[in-house]
Amino acid sequence: MTNTNNTSQSDRIVSRRNVLRTTGLITLLSATGTNVSAETTDSNRPSTPNSDDETSQISKYHDEVLWYRTSDKDSCEEFRHVIPTVGGGVMTLGMATVDGEWSDGWQHDWTANGTKRWTVLHRQTGHDALFGGIRTATNRFALCGHSHSESEDTARAYVVETNRRGRTRWTTHFHFDQRVDDQATDIIQTADGKFVVAGSSGNRAAMATLDATGEVQWTRTYSGDKSLDAVSILEADNGFVLGGTVTKQDDTTACLLLKTNSRGREQWRRRYITGTSAHLAECISTETGYLMAGTAQQEHAFTADALVMKTTNQGDVVWKETYGDPGEHATADSVTTIGDSYVIAGSRSEDIIGEQVWLNQLNKNGDRTWSTAFGTERDETPSEVVTTDDGNLVIGGTRKLSEHDNCSEGFVAKVTLTPSY
């Protein structure tokens, strides 16, 4: 474990999907906002990272969108994760390229009305990325990702704890396995103050526990088929549940739940096959089990459907539904709870419309109670949806800078729970 001053690093930015790229419904103005540096930075003016005109334009068509902001750096950036903060605000985590080659981890803090309060850079020499994070029991933040130093052959997982303003308290870099590339994609905190991290180690799913000061206590890896990866970690039944994707020897994929005891020793695993390609994006706990969101594609199909499954606490399927219209590419990239219902955030794209943010509310039985979409002329890929303290939704993700540009920028939008159609 090493103590640092707001330093860490990330991987080069690549698009998660290649989808239809055409003209969107609304043209948004490019973002302006606070500058960022290697230290915590504050806005010297009441900020609107995007002008009032931009919010007005999107709200003209979709009055449920309260505000829409984008990153403001002269580099390619992705927002990978969103953490709700006190008072209806959020924090976005992700990475941005440096000098067109290296990447840094970035942490942005937003108020309830979309003002960017401060940003923090987490950097080391090489590639850094932030993939997940939580607000801790002491109202600090624990973030996770991976770091690949120029001097090392393989990437390491890392966890950093910051104070309320993003200043680093401690940073831990570690390997699940010394021989391969490692990354941490999700993190939780247990009642005794310890941290549990999920991720991948080469072609295996992985888990580790750290004490409250960042010391690694133990690590585990889980193999099977051609490869396993884990994107979610949950505390459950005196142990933990990993959610992820399994790739079989014939290169078809299925969603995965893997249950362990409190020491990470496997107790059971379940595979969920839907078509020839099913990928899990996120898994959350319900009162009686788990809810999984992802994407499913049938053999020889050119488009995919959003996939949502509900299971018992033993992993048995209660219901499984796909959502999407013929000729439409649809995904489910994140899920959150609102009262007795679930909200799924994903994207949808058609021949005449590029990739847009797509929200669906489901009741406990998986029936859709409302659906809405909004977007710009640039393809948007959501990464996370969260419920804020003031009862709204915030979606964070990545959008293309232009139709012909491989570069991207992060976006974050706040949405009411009353759709316009």
Protein backbone atom coordinates (compact mmCIF):
# COMPACT_ATOMS: atom_id res chain seq x y z
CA MET A 1 0.00 0.00 0.00
CA THR A 2 1.28 3.48 -0.80
CA ASN A 3 0.16 6.89 0.42
CA THR A 4 -0.20 9.37 -2.43
CA ASN A 5 -1.39 12.91 -3.12
CA ASN A 6 -4.25 12.52 -5.58
CA THR A 7 -2.28 10.32 -7.98
CA SER A 8 -3.31 7.36 -10.12
CA GLN A 9 -3.60 6.35 -13.86
CA SER A 10 -5.74 4.60 -16.64
CA ASP A 11 -6.14 2.84 -19.95
CA ARG A 12 -6.57 4.28 -23.38
CA ILE A 13 -10.18 5.13 -24.23
CA VAL A 14 -12.07 2.81 -26.51
CA SER A 15 -15.77 2.69 -27.43
CA ARG A 16 -17.72 -0.07 -25.69
CA ARG A 17 -19.87 -0.77 -28.73
CA ASN A 18 -19.96 -0.03 -32.44
CA VAL A 19 -23.53 0.98 -33.18
CA LEU A 20 -25.48 2.86 -35.84
CA ARG A 21 -24.18 6.41 -36.20
CA THR A 22 -26.54 8.86 -37.87
CA THR A 23 -28.19 12.18 -37.10
CA GLY A 24 -29.87 12.57 -33.69
CA LEU A 25 -32.94 14.55 -32.78
CA ILE A 26 -31.41 17.53 -31.04
CA THR A 27 -28.20 19.53 -31.54
CA LEU A 28 -26.57 20.40 -28.22
CA LEU A 29 -23.98 23.10 -27.73
CA SER A 30 -20.52 22.01 -26.63
CA ALA A 31 -19.70 22.20 -22.93
CA THR A 32 -17.91 24.92 -21.02
CA GLY A 33 -16.98 24.84 -17.39
CA THR A 34 -14.27 24.76 -14.76
CA ASN A 35 -10.68 23.96 -15.58
CA VAL A 36 -9.07 20.90 -14.06
CA SER A 37 -5.60 20.19 -12.77
CA ALA A 38 -3.65 17.69 -10.72
CA GLU A 39 -5.05 19.26 -7.54
CA THR A 40 -8.62 19.76 -6.40
CA THR A 41 -10.07 22.70 -8.35
CA ASP A 42 -13.07 24.87 -7.63
CA SER A 43 -15.20 26.94 -9.95
CA ASN A 44 -14.75 30.67 -9.42
CA ARG A 45 -18.14 31.35 -10.91
CA PRO A 46 -21.55 29.75 -10.57
CA SER A 47 -21.00 27.22 -13.16
CA THR A 48 -22.97 25.93 -15.91
CA PRO A 49 -20.71 23.44 -17.54
CA ASN A 50 -23.21 23.61 -20.37
CA SER A 51 -25.09 26.78 -21.24
CA ASP A 52 -28.70 27.36 -20.33
CA ASP A 53 -29.44 27.17 -24.05
CA GLU A 54 -28.30 23.56 -24.15
CA THR A 55 -30.60 22.48 -21.33
CA SER A 56 -33.41 24.48 -22.89
CA GLN A 57 -32.93 22.76 -26.23
CA ILE A 58 -33.13 19.25 -24.84
CA SER A 59 -35.94 20.16 -22.42
CA LYS A 60 -37.97 21.58 -25.32
CA TYR A 61 -38.45 18.00 -26.50
CA HIS A 62 -38.12 16.16 -23.19
CA ASP A 63 -39.27 18.17 -20.19
CA GLU A 64 -38.25 15.37 -17.82
CA VAL A 65 -34.56 16.27 -18.43
CA LEU A 66 -33.71 18.82 -15.73
CA TRP A 67 -30.12 19.40 -16.88
CA TYR A 68 -27.47 17.85 -19.11
CA ARG A 69 -23.72 18.44 -18.68
CA THR A 70 -20.58 17.21 -20.43
CA SER A 71 -16.91 17.07 -19.49
CA ASP A 72 -14.84 20.14 -20.19
CA LYS A 73 -11.29 18.94 -20.86
CA ASP A 74 -9.34 19.12 -24.11
CA SER A 75 -8.95 15.35 -24.23
CA CYS A 76 -11.00 12.20 -24.76
CA GLU A 77 -12.93 11.26 -21.65
CA GLU A 78 -15.37 8.62 -20.37
CA PHE A 79 -17.66 8.72 -17.34
CA ARG A 80 -17.76 5.11 -16.05
CA HIS A 81 -19.53 5.41 -12.70
CA VAL A 82 -21.88 7.71 -10.73
CA ILE A 83 -22.11 7.99 -6.92
CA PRO A 84 -25.04 9.83 -5.25
CA THR A 85 -23.92 12.49 -2.76
CA VAL A 86 -25.67 14.40 0.02
CA GLY A 87 -28.38 16.86 -1.03
CA GLY A 88 -29.21 15.49 -4.49
CA GLY A 89 -25.76 15.87 -6.05
CA VAL A 90 -23.56 13.21 -7.66
CA MET A 91 -19.95 12.32 -8.29
CA THR A 92 -18.79 10.99 -11.66
CA LEU A 93 -15.74 8.76 -12.07
CA GLY A 94 -13.87 7.80 -15.20
CA MET A 95 -10.77 8.42 -17.25
CA ALA A 96 -9.34 10.81 -19.80
CA THR A 97 -6.49 10.40 -22.27
CA VAL A 98 -3.32 12.41 -21.79
CA ASP A 99 -1.19 13.46 -24.76
CA GLY A 100 -3.23 11.12 -26.97
CA GLU A 101 -1.65 8.05 -25.38
CA TRP A 102 -1.68 7.85 -21.58
CA SER A 103 -4.82 7.97 -19.44
CA ASP A 104 -5.65 9.38 -16.02
CA GLY A 105 -8.44 8.69 -13.56
CA TRP A 106 -10.75 11.65 -12.88
CA GLN A 107 -13.25 12.40 -10.11
CA HIS A 108 -15.88 15.16 -10.64
CA ASP A 109 -18.30 16.48 -8.03
CA TRP A 110 -21.66 17.97 -9.17
CA THR A 111 -24.30 19.82 -7.15
CA ALA A 112 -28.00 19.03 -7.32
CA ASN A 113 -28.51 21.74 -9.98
CA GLY A 114 -25.63 20.58 -12.19
CA THR A 115 -22.90 22.95 -11.03
CA LYS A 116 -19.45 21.36 -11.04
CA ARG A 117 -17.95 22.05 -7.61
CA TRP A 118 -14.52 20.47 -8.00
CA THR A 119 -12.49 17.89 -9.89
CA VAL A 120 -9.57 15.70 -8.84
CA LEU A 121 -6.99 13.96 -11.00
CA HIS A 122 -5.64 10.54 -9.91
CA ARG A 123 -2.39 9.95 -11.75
CA GLN A 124 0.70 7.80 -11.93
CA THR A 125 3.07 7.15 -14.81
CA GLY A 126 1.25 5.03 -17.38
CA HIS A 127 -2.44 4.15 -17.77
CA ASP A 128 -5.06 4.70 -15.05
CA ALA A 129 -8.84 4.28 -15.06
CA LEU A 130 -11.59 4.51 -12.43
CA PHE A 131 -14.40 1.97 -12.91
CA GLY A 132 -16.35 1.98 -9.65
CA GLY A 133 -16.78 3.63 -6.28
CA ILE A 134 -18.94 4.16 -3.20
CA ARG A 135 -19.66 6.74 -0.52
CA THR A 136 -18.36 5.20 2.69
CA ALA A 137 -20.01 5.01 6.10
CA THR A 138 -17.90 8.00 7.18
CA ASN A 139 -19.02 10.06 4.15
CA ARG A 140 -15.71 9.64 2.36
CA PHE A 141 -15.25 7.90 -0.98
CA ALA A 142 -13.64 4.61 -1.95
CA LEU A 143 -12.82 4.29 -5.66
CA CYS A 144 -11.50 1.34 -7.65
CA GLY A 145 -9.97 0.73 -11.07
CA HIS A 146 -6.71 -0.36 -12.61
CA SER A 147 -3.24 1.07 -13.08
CA HIS A 148 -0.56 0.06 -15.56
CA SER A 149 2.81 1.66 -14.96
CA GLU A 150 5.25 2.10 -17.83
CA SER A 151 7.79 0.14 -15.83
CA GLU A 152 5.56 -2.92 -15.28
CA ASP A 153 4.57 -5.74 -17.63
CA THR A 154 1.03 -6.15 -16.28
CA ALA A 155 -1.73 -3.89 -14.95
CA ARG A 156 -2.65 -3.90 -11.26
CA ALA A 157 -5.98 -3.36 -9.54
CA TYR A 158 -6.09 -0.37 -7.27
CA VAL A 159 -8.30 1.16 -4.58
CA VAL A 160 -8.08 4.76 -3.35
CA GLU A 161 -9.91 6.30 -0.40
CA THR A 162 -10.48 10.06 -0.54
CA ASN A 163 -11.96 12.60 1.80
CA ARG A 164 -15.18 14.49 1.03
CA ARG A 165 -13.37 16.79 -1.39
CA GLY A 166 -11.52 14.05 -3.24
CA ARG A 167 -8.14 14.42 -1.53
CA THR A 168 -6.39 11.05 -1.28
CA ARG A 169 -6.11 9.45 2.16
CA TRP A 170 -4.50 6.21 0.95
CA THR A 171 -3.99 4.25 -2.25
CA THR A 172 -3.43 0.51 -2.61
CA HIS A 173 -2.14 -1.17 -5.78
CA PHE A 174 -2.28 -4.97 -5.85
CA HIS A 175 -2.48 -8.07 -8.01
CA PHE A 176 -5.15 -10.72 -7.75
CA ASP A 177 -2.55 -12.79 -9.64
CA GLN A 178 1.01 -11.64 -10.35
CA ARG A 179 1.20 -13.05 -13.89
CA VAL A 180 -1.65 -11.28 -15.69
CA ASP A 181 -3.47 -7.97 -16.12
CA ASP A 182 -5.80 -7.19 -13.23
CA GLN A 183 -8.56 -4.63 -12.77
CA ALA A 184 -11.10 -3.79 -10.07
CA THR A 185 -14.57 -2.92 -11.40
CA ASP A 186 -16.81 -2.71 -8.30
CA ILE A 187 -16.40 -2.12 -4.57
CA ILE A 188 -18.59 -2.38 -1.45
CA GLN A 189 -18.05 -1.70 2.25
CA THR A 190 -19.06 -4.22 4.92
CA ALA A 191 -20.57 -3.38 8.31
CA ASP A 192 -17.17 -3.72 10.01
CA GLY A 193 -15.62 -1.08 7.73
CA LYS A 194 -13.74 -3.41 5.39
CA PHE A 195 -13.81 -3.12 1.59
CA VAL A 196 -14.58 -5.94 -0.85
CA VAL A 197 -13.55 -5.54 -4.48
CA ALA A 198 -14.63 -7.48 -7.59
CA GLY A 199 -12.93 -7.51 -10.95
CA SER A 200 -10.95 -9.65 -13.33
CA SER A 201 -7.54 -11.25 -13.41
CA GLY A 202 -6.63 -12.29 -16.94
CA ASN A 203 -9.43 -14.61 -18.03
CA ARG A 204 -10.73 -15.21 -14.49
CA ALA A 205 -13.17 -13.40 -12.24
CA ALA A 206 -11.57 -12.08 -9.06
CA MET A 207 -12.32 -10.81 -5.56
CA ALA A 208 -10.26 -9.21 -2.78
CA THR A 209 -10.85 -7.79 0.70
CA LEU A 210 -9.03 -4.80 2.19
CA ASP A 211 -9.14 -3.50 5.74
CA ALA A 212 -10.17 0.06 6.58
CA THR A 213 -6.61 1.33 5.99
CA GLY A 214 -6.28 -0.30 2.55
CA GLU A 215 -4.20 -3.37 3.49
CA VAL A 216 -5.12 -6.37 1.30
CA GLN A 217 -6.28 -9.27 3.47
CA TRP A 218 -6.91 -11.94 0.85
CA THR A 219 -7.57 -12.42 -2.85
CA ARG A 220 -9.44 -15.09 -4.82
CA THR A 221 -9.81 -15.90 -8.52
CA TYR A 222 -12.51 -17.99 -10.21
CA SER A 223 -12.00 -19.85 -13.47
CA GLY A 224 -14.22 -21.80 -15.83
CA ASP A 225 -15.05 -22.22 -19.52
CA LYS A 226 -12.95 -19.90 -21.69
CA SER A 227 -13.14 -16.87 -19.41
CA LEU A 228 -15.09 -15.27 -16.56
CA ASP A 229 -15.35 -11.63 -15.60
CA ALA A 230 -17.08 -9.88 -12.72
CA VAL A 231 -18.73 -6.45 -12.90
CA SER A 232 -20.73 -6.40 -9.63
CA ILE A 233 -20.14 -7.44 -6.02
CA LEU A 234 -22.95 -7.81 -3.44
CA GLU A 235 -23.01 -8.82 0.20
CA ALA A 236 -25.42 -11.73 0.74
CA ASP A 237 -26.16 -14.65 3.10
CA ASN A 238 -22.96 -14.51 5.18
CA GLY A 239 -20.88 -14.09 2.05
CA PHE A 240 -20.80 -12.40 -1.32
CA VAL A 241 -22.28 -12.69 -4.80
CA LEU A 242 -20.34 -11.83 -7.95
CA GLY A 243 -22.25 -10.87 -11.09
CA GLY A 244 -20.57 -11.09 -14.47
CA THR A 245 -20.30 -12.82 -17.83
CA VAL A 246 -18.97 -16.22 -18.81
CA THR A 247 -17.49 -16.85 -22.26
CA LYS A 248 -17.78 -20.49 -23.32
CA GLN A 249 -15.35 -22.44 -25.49
CA ASP A 250 -17.46 -21.79 -28.61
CA ASP A 251 -17.27 -18.04 -27.86
CA THR A 252 -20.95 -17.76 -26.95
CA THR A 253 -21.59 -15.84 -23.73
CA ALA A 254 -24.00 -16.04 -20.79
CA CYS A 255 -24.72 -14.02 -17.66
CA LEU A 256 -23.25 -15.36 -14.42
CA LEU A 257 -23.94 -15.29 -10.68
CA LEU A 258 -21.30 -16.78 -8.36
CA LYS A 259 -21.91 -17.12 -4.60
CA THR A 260 -19.07 -17.36 -2.07
CA ASN A 261 -18.74 -17.60 1.70
CA SER A 262 -17.27 -14.77 3.77
CA ARG A 263 -13.72 -15.90 2.87
CA GLY A 264 -14.40 -15.92 -0.86
CA ARG A 265 -14.68 -19.69 -1.26
CA GLU A 266 -17.16 -20.60 -3.97
CA GLN A 267 -20.49 -22.16 -2.88
CA TRP A 268 -22.45 -22.14 -6.14
CA ARG A 269 -22.60 -20.56 -9.58
CA ARG A 270 -25.43 -20.12 -12.08
CA ARG A 271 -25.25 -19.42 -15.82
CA TYR A 272 -28.13 -17.75 -17.66
CA ILE A 273 -28.25 -18.41 -21.39
CA THR A 274 -30.24 -16.07 -23.64
CA GLY A 275 -29.53 -16.42 -27.36
CA THR A 276 -25.89 -16.84 -28.36
CA SER A 277 -24.63 -13.67 -26.71
CA ALA A 278 -25.68 -12.38 -23.29
CA HIS A 279 -23.60 -9.90 -21.30
CA LEU A 280 -24.24 -8.70 -17.76
CA ALA A 281 -23.79 -4.98 -17.15
CA GLU A 282 -24.92 -4.71 -13.52
CA CYS A 283 -26.49 -6.76 -10.73
CA ILE A 284 -28.25 -5.37 -7.65
CA SER A 285 -29.89 -6.90 -4.58
CA THR A 286 -33.67 -7.10 -4.14
CA GLU A 287 -35.67 -8.04 -1.05
CA THR A 288 -35.70 -11.70 -2.08
CA GLY A 289 -32.76 -12.12 -4.45
CA TYR A 290 -31.05 -10.33 -7.31
CA LEU A 291 -31.87 -8.25 -10.39
CA MET A 292 -29.57 -8.38 -13.42
CA ALA A 293 -29.40 -5.94 -16.34
CA GLY A 294 -27.55 -6.60 -19.58
CA THR A 295 -27.81 -7.26 -23.30
CA ALA A 296 -28.86 -10.35 -25.27
CA GLN A 297 -28.42 -11.16 -28.95
CA GLN A 298 -29.83 -14.05 -30.96
CA GLU A 299 -27.77 -16.06 -33.43
CA HIS A 300 -27.26 -14.28 -36.79
CA ALA A 301 -29.04 -11.16 -35.49
CA PHE A 302 -27.65 -7.73 -36.36
CA THR A 303 -29.22 -6.04 -33.34
CA ALA A 304 -29.53 -6.84 -29.64
CA ASP A 305 -32.22 -6.48 -26.96
CA ALA A 306 -32.09 -5.12 -23.44
CA LEU A 307 -32.13 -8.05 -20.99
CA VAL A 308 -33.42 -7.98 -17.40
CA MET A 309 -33.67 -10.99 -15.06
CA LYS A 310 -34.91 -11.39 -11.52
CA THR A 311 -33.76 -14.35 -9.40
CA THR A 312 -34.17 -15.75 -5.90
CA ASN A 313 -31.33 -15.56 -3.40
CA GLN A 314 -30.28 -19.02 -4.63
CA GLY A 315 -30.03 -17.80 -8.22
CA ASP A 316 -33.21 -19.45 -9.55
CA VAL A 317 -34.92 -17.37 -12.24
CA VAL A 318 -38.19 -15.70 -11.15
CA TRP A 319 -38.69 -13.92 -14.48
CA LYS A 320 -36.62 -12.98 -17.51
CA GLU A 321 -37.60 -10.31 -20.05
CA THR A 322 -36.08 -8.68 -23.11
CA TYR A 323 -37.02 -5.20 -24.33
CA GLY A 324 -36.59 -3.67 -27.76
CA ASP A 325 -38.40 -3.30 -31.09
CA PRO A 326 -37.59 -5.03 -34.40
CA GLY A 327 -34.75 -3.29 -36.20
CA GLU A 328 -33.73 -1.47 -33.03
CA HIS A 329 -30.49 -2.06 -31.11
CA ALA A 330 -31.29 -1.86 -27.38
CA THR A 331 -29.19 -2.34 -24.25
CA ALA A 332 -29.63 -2.34 -20.47
CA ASP A 333 -26.45 -0.89 -18.97
CA SER A 334 -27.45 -0.10 -15.38
CA VAL A 335 -30.32 -0.52 -12.92
CA THR A 336 -31.54 1.24 -9.78
CA THR A 337 -34.54 0.90 -7.47
CA ILE A 338 -37.28 3.46 -6.85
CA GLY A 339 -39.79 2.39 -4.23
CA ASP A 340 -41.28 -0.90 -5.41
CA SER A 341 -40.06 -0.55 -8.98
CA TYR A 342 -36.85 -0.67 -10.99
CA VAL A 343 -35.43 1.81 -13.49
CA ILE A 344 -33.24 0.49 -16.27
CA ALA A 345 -30.86 2.83 -18.12
CA GLY A 346 -29.50 1.79 -21.48
CA SER A 347 -29.40 2.91 -25.06
CA ARG A 348 -31.39 2.35 -28.21
CA SER A 349 -30.62 3.11 -31.85
CA GLU A 350 -32.47 2.76 -35.14
CA ASP A 351 -31.63 3.26 -38.79
CA ILE A 352 -32.58 6.94 -38.73
CA ILE A 353 -31.62 7.78 -35.15
CA GLY A 354 -28.24 7.25 -33.52
CA GLU A 355 -27.68 5.84 -30.07
CA GLN A 356 -29.80 7.61 -27.42
CA VAL A 357 -30.21 7.34 -23.66
CA TRP A 358 -33.16 5.01 -22.99
CA LEU A 359 -34.97 4.74 -19.63
CA ASN A 360 -37.53 2.11 -18.65
CA GLN A 361 -39.41 1.71 -15.39
CA LEU A 362 -40.45 -1.85 -14.49
CA ASN A 363 -42.73 -3.14 -11.77
CA LYS A 364 -41.78 -6.11 -9.60
CA ASN A 365 -43.01 -8.52 -12.29
CA GLY A 366 -40.93 -7.00 -15.06
CA ASP A 367 -43.86 -5.22 -16.75
CA ARG A 368 -42.85 -1.89 -18.26
CA THR A 369 -44.80 1.00 -16.70
CA TRP A 370 -43.14 3.83 -18.66
CA SER A 371 -40.38 4.37 -21.16
CA THR A 372 -38.62 7.46 -22.45
CA ALA A 373 -35.55 8.33 -24.51
CA PHE A 374 -33.53 11.47 -25.11
CA GLY A 375 -30.37 12.26 -26.96
CA THR A 376 -28.23 14.56 -29.04
CA GLU A 377 -26.72 14.32 -32.49
CA ARG A 378 -23.85 12.41 -30.85
CA ASP A 379 -24.16 8.75 -29.87
CA GLU A 380 -24.60 8.34 -26.11
CA THR A 381 -23.68 5.23 -24.11
CA PRO A 382 -24.92 5.25 -20.48
CA SER A 383 -22.74 3.60 -17.86
CA GLU A 384 -24.70 4.18 -14.67
CA VAL A 385 -28.09 5.30 -13.34
CA VAL A 386 -28.59 6.24 -9.69
CA THR A 387 -31.42 7.58 -7.54
CA THR A 388 -30.50 10.87 -5.84
CA ASP A 389 -31.41 12.13 -2.37
CA ASP A 390 -33.94 14.54 -3.89
CA GLY A 391 -35.87 11.71 -5.57
CA ASN A 392 -34.65 12.11 -9.14
CA LEU A 393 -32.48 10.03 -11.48
CA VAL A 394 -28.96 10.85 -12.67
CA ILE A 395 -27.46 9.08 -15.67
CA GLY A 396 -23.76 9.20 -16.47
CA GLY A 397 -21.96 7.87 -19.53
CA THR A 398 -20.01 8.68 -22.66
CA ARG A 399 -20.91 10.33 -25.96
CA LYS A 400 -19.05 10.62 -29.25
CA LEU A 401 -17.53 14.01 -30.01
CA SER A 402 -18.56 13.70 -33.65
CA GLU A 403 -19.78 11.13 -36.16
CA HIS A 404 -16.31 10.64 -37.64
CA ASP A 405 -14.22 11.05 -34.50
CA ASN A 406 -13.05 8.17 -32.30
CA CYS A 407 -12.78 10.57 -29.38
CA SER A 408 -15.48 10.84 -26.70
CA GLU A 409 -16.54 12.97 -23.75
CA GLY A 410 -18.34 12.18 -20.52
CA PHE A 411 -21.94 13.29 -19.98
CA VAL A 412 -24.18 13.45 -16.92
CA ALA A 413 -27.92 14.23 -16.94
CA LYS A 414 -30.54 14.66 -14.24
CA VAL A 415 -34.03 13.38 -15.02
CA THR A 416 -37.38 13.54 -13.23
CA LEU A 417 -39.49 10.42 -12.77
CA THR A 418 -42.35 11.74 -14.90
CA PRO A 419 -41.65 11.05 -18.58
CA SER A 420 -43.11 13.18 -21.34
CA TYR A 421 -44.74 10.23 -23.13
